[in-house]
Amino acid sequence: MIISYAGHSPAIDADAWVAPDATVCGDVVIGAGSRVMHGARLVAEAGGSIRIGRNCIVLENAVIRATARHPCTIGNYCVVGPNSHVVGAEVADEVFIATGAAVFHGAHIERGSEVRINGTVHLRTRLETGTVVPIGWIAVGDPARILPPDQHEAIWSQQKPLDFPGFVYGVDRSLPDVMQKITGSLSAALGVHRAESV
């Protein structure tokens, strides 16, 4: 489904292909030879943009999102695996993002890197050229520290100063009712989808 809203329509190269049950919504550009497979979702929220390079493969049920504060770019010759999630990140050429991986806002993944099955690249994290995040491990910080999931305290010591609520939603985590502020703001922003046209 190709969806226009907020004055933006997807631009899909004539040599690209989008499955009929995939969703491409908003200011999205898809390059030649790229394939967006069944159930994938590419959504550029109002003011945000997604750019997919040449010969990229976005596999089943992958989600790629962008917001006004966090555009998303996928370089050339990349694979975004099934059930993976990439939001507001910059992904260079020849990157492999495996099944179930998550890449968050403000992350930078440099050329030839791999985020293996269920790996995580946290917000504002930089993977240098050719870096590998092992299966289920977490990359956090700039430059990235790559840690196993059982190292929660070490991960949190790197993650906390990255300030997820502030960086992503512009909300001070120390304020009362932080989730009410986040969801109220998101509800208002996402309300623009009521004006979508297929």
Protein backbone atom coordinates (compact mmCIF):
# COMPACT_ATOMS: atom_id res chain seq x y z
CA MET A 1 0.00 0.00 0.00
CA ILE A 2 1.44 3.34 -1.08
CA ILE A 3 0.17 6.14 1.18
CA SER A 4 0.43 9.90 0.85
CA TYR A 5 -0.15 12.32 3.68
CA ALA A 6 0.95 15.71 5.00
CA GLY A 7 1.81 16.76 1.44
CA HIS A 8 4.27 13.91 0.82
CA SER A 9 4.03 10.91 -1.47
CA PRO A 10 6.52 8.05 -1.75
CA ALA A 11 8.89 8.08 -4.73
CA ILE A 12 9.68 4.54 -5.84
CA ASP A 13 12.14 3.93 -8.68
CA ALA A 14 10.62 2.12 -11.67
CA ASP A 15 13.15 -0.70 -11.14
CA ALA A 16 12.24 -1.15 -7.45
CA TRP A 17 9.42 -3.42 -6.23
CA VAL A 18 7.11 -3.10 -3.23
CA ALA A 19 4.93 -6.06 -2.23
CA PRO A 20 1.20 -5.28 -2.38
CA ASP A 21 0.78 -5.95 1.35
CA ALA A 22 3.76 -3.79 2.38
CA THR A 23 3.20 -0.19 3.49
CA VAL A 24 5.21 2.77 2.20
CA CYS A 25 3.94 5.98 3.76
CA GLY A 26 4.96 9.64 3.47
CA ASP A 27 8.29 11.12 2.35
CA VAL A 28 9.97 7.86 1.34
CA VAL A 29 12.38 7.40 -1.58
CA ILE A 30 13.28 3.87 -2.73
CA GLY A 31 16.18 3.35 -5.15
CA ALA A 32 16.56 1.17 -8.24
CA GLY A 33 16.73 -2.57 -7.72
CA SER A 34 15.45 -2.39 -4.15
CA ARG A 35 12.79 -4.80 -2.92
CA VAL A 36 10.32 -4.25 -0.09
CA MET A 37 8.86 -7.62 0.79
CA HIS A 38 5.51 -8.73 2.20
CA GLY A 39 4.33 -7.10 5.39
CA ALA A 40 7.21 -4.61 5.62
CA ARG A 41 6.36 -1.12 6.89
CA LEU A 42 8.23 2.04 5.85
CA VAL A 43 6.65 5.05 7.56
CA ALA A 44 8.01 8.61 7.46
CA GLU A 45 6.07 10.61 10.02
CA ALA A 46 5.19 14.22 9.15
CA GLY A 47 8.40 16.19 8.67
CA GLY A 48 10.51 13.02 8.59
CA SER A 49 12.05 11.25 5.61
CA ILE A 50 13.27 7.79 4.67
CA ARG A 51 15.82 7.22 1.93
CA ILE A 52 16.51 3.67 0.73
CA GLY A 53 19.46 3.24 -1.66
CA ARG A 54 20.02 0.93 -4.63
CA ASN A 55 19.63 -2.85 -4.45
CA CYS A 56 18.43 -2.89 -0.83
CA ILE A 57 16.34 -5.75 0.43
CA VAL A 58 13.76 -5.02 3.14
CA LEU A 59 12.45 -8.40 4.19
CA GLU A 60 9.12 -9.57 5.58
CA ASN A 61 7.63 -7.60 8.49
CA ALA A 62 10.63 -5.29 8.86
CA VAL A 63 9.81 -1.79 10.11
CA ILE A 64 11.70 1.33 9.03
CA ARG A 65 10.51 4.61 10.57
CA ALA A 66 11.50 8.26 10.56
CA THR A 67 10.31 11.27 12.51
CA ALA A 68 10.71 15.00 12.03
CA ARG A 69 13.60 14.95 14.52
CA HIS A 70 15.14 11.71 13.23
CA PRO A 71 15.26 10.98 9.47
CA CYS A 72 16.30 7.51 8.38
CA THR A 73 18.75 6.59 5.62
CA ILE A 74 19.64 3.12 4.39
CA GLY A 75 22.61 3.07 1.98
CA ASN A 76 23.15 0.91 -1.10
CA TYR A 77 23.34 -2.91 -1.06
CA CYS A 78 21.88 -3.36 2.43
CA VAL A 79 19.67 -6.08 3.89
CA VAL A 80 17.10 -5.29 6.57
CA GLY A 81 16.03 -8.67 7.91
CA PRO A 82 12.60 -10.05 8.79
CA ASN A 83 10.99 -8.61 11.92
CA SER A 84 13.79 -6.09 12.37
CA HIS A 85 13.26 -2.46 13.36
CA VAL A 86 15.23 0.59 12.22
CA VAL A 87 14.12 4.05 13.37
CA GLY A 88 15.75 7.42 12.75
CA ALA A 89 19.18 5.95 11.99
CA GLU A 90 21.87 6.44 9.36
CA VAL A 91 22.94 3.14 7.80
CA ALA A 92 25.83 3.21 5.31
CA ASP A 93 26.39 0.93 2.30
CA GLU A 94 26.68 -2.87 2.48
CA VAL A 95 25.24 -3.24 5.99
CA PHE A 96 23.48 -6.43 7.12
CA ILE A 97 20.74 -6.04 9.74
CA ALA A 98 19.58 -9.54 10.63
CA THR A 99 16.26 -11.00 11.76
CA GLY A 100 14.82 -9.34 14.84
CA ALA A 101 17.56 -6.71 15.16
CA ALA A 102 16.75 -3.21 16.47
CA VAL A 103 18.51 0.02 15.48
CA PHE A 104 17.43 3.17 17.32
CA HIS A 105 17.24 6.95 16.84
CA GLY A 106 20.46 8.75 15.99
CA ALA A 107 22.48 5.57 15.48
CA HIS A 108 25.17 5.54 12.79
CA ILE A 109 26.14 2.20 11.29
CA GLU A 110 29.17 2.50 9.07
CA ARG A 111 29.92 0.55 5.89
CA GLY A 112 30.10 -3.22 5.94
CA SER A 113 28.87 -3.64 9.51
CA GLU A 114 26.60 -6.45 10.69
CA VAL A 115 23.94 -6.48 13.38
CA ARG A 116 23.23 -10.15 13.83
CA ILE A 117 20.01 -11.90 14.93
CA ASN A 118 18.26 -10.00 17.75
CA GLY A 119 21.19 -7.60 18.09
CA THR A 120 20.55 -4.03 19.24
CA VAL A 121 22.22 -0.78 18.25
CA HIS A 122 21.07 1.73 20.82
CA LEU A 123 20.24 5.36 20.24
CA ARG A 124 23.11 7.74 19.47
CA THR A 125 25.44 4.77 19.00
CA ARG A 126 28.11 4.60 16.30
CA LEU A 127 29.36 1.35 14.78
CA GLU A 128 32.65 1.88 13.00
CA THR A 129 33.29 0.35 9.57
CA GLY A 130 33.06 -3.44 9.58
CA THR A 131 31.82 -3.77 13.17
CA VAL A 132 29.87 -6.92 14.10
CA VAL A 133 27.23 -6.96 16.84
CA PRO A 134 26.96 -10.66 17.83
CA ILE A 135 23.67 -12.53 18.12
CA GLY A 136 21.58 -10.98 20.88
CA TRP A 137 24.26 -8.49 21.99
CA ILE A 138 23.85 -4.75 22.53
CA ALA A 139 25.95 -1.93 21.04
CA VAL A 140 25.76 1.31 23.02
CA GLY A 141 27.66 4.61 22.91
CA ASP A 142 29.95 6.51 20.57
CA PRO A 143 32.22 4.77 19.94
CA ALA A 144 30.14 1.69 20.60
CA ARG A 145 30.75 -0.71 23.44
CA ILE A 146 29.38 -4.12 22.50
CA LEU A 147 28.07 -6.03 25.48
CA PRO A 148 26.20 -9.30 26.11
CA PRO A 149 22.60 -8.98 27.29
CA ASP A 150 23.43 -10.29 30.79
CA GLN A 151 25.51 -7.15 31.49
CA HIS A 152 22.55 -4.89 32.29
CA GLU A 153 24.40 -2.59 34.70
CA ALA A 154 27.24 -2.01 32.24
CA ILE A 155 24.73 -1.39 29.43
CA TRP A 156 22.69 0.99 31.60
CA SER A 157 25.78 2.95 32.62
CA GLN A 158 26.34 3.69 28.92
CA GLN A 159 22.67 4.01 28.01
CA LYS A 160 21.38 6.31 30.75
CA PRO A 161 23.37 9.41 29.68
CA LEU A 162 22.14 8.93 26.10
CA ASP A 163 18.76 10.11 27.50
CA PHE A 164 16.19 8.18 25.47
CA PRO A 165 13.11 10.22 26.59
CA GLY A 166 14.85 13.53 26.03
CA PHE A 167 16.55 12.65 22.75
CA VAL A 168 13.59 10.89 21.15
CA TYR A 169 10.58 12.68 22.65
CA GLY A 170 11.98 15.91 24.09
CA VAL A 171 10.73 14.96 27.57
CA ASP A 172 12.69 15.20 30.82
CA ARG A 173 12.65 11.72 32.38
CA SER A 174 12.75 13.22 35.91
CA LEU A 175 9.38 14.96 35.50
CA PRO A 176 6.27 13.41 37.01
CA ASP A 177 3.89 11.64 34.64
CA VAL A 178 6.58 11.23 31.98
CA MET A 179 4.61 8.54 30.11
CA GLN A 180 1.53 10.76 30.02
CA LYS A 181 3.61 13.52 28.44
CA ILE A 182 5.15 11.13 25.89
CA THR A 183 1.90 9.45 24.87
CA GLY A 184 -0.02 12.74 24.77
CA SER A 185 2.55 14.24 22.45
CA LEU A 186 2.69 11.10 20.29
CA SER A 187 -1.09 10.91 20.05
CA ALA A 188 -1.25 14.50 18.78
CA ALA A 189 1.59 13.97 16.28
CA LEU A 190 0.25 10.65 14.96
CA GLY A 191 -3.22 12.13 14.53
CA VAL A 192 -2.06 13.47 11.16
CA HIS A 193 -2.52 9.94 9.78
CA ARG A 194 -6.28 10.51 9.81
CA ALA A 195 -5.75 12.49 6.60
CA GLU A 196 -3.90 9.70 4.71
CA SER A 197 -4.83 8.82 1.15
CA VAL A 198 -4.04 5.50 -0.47
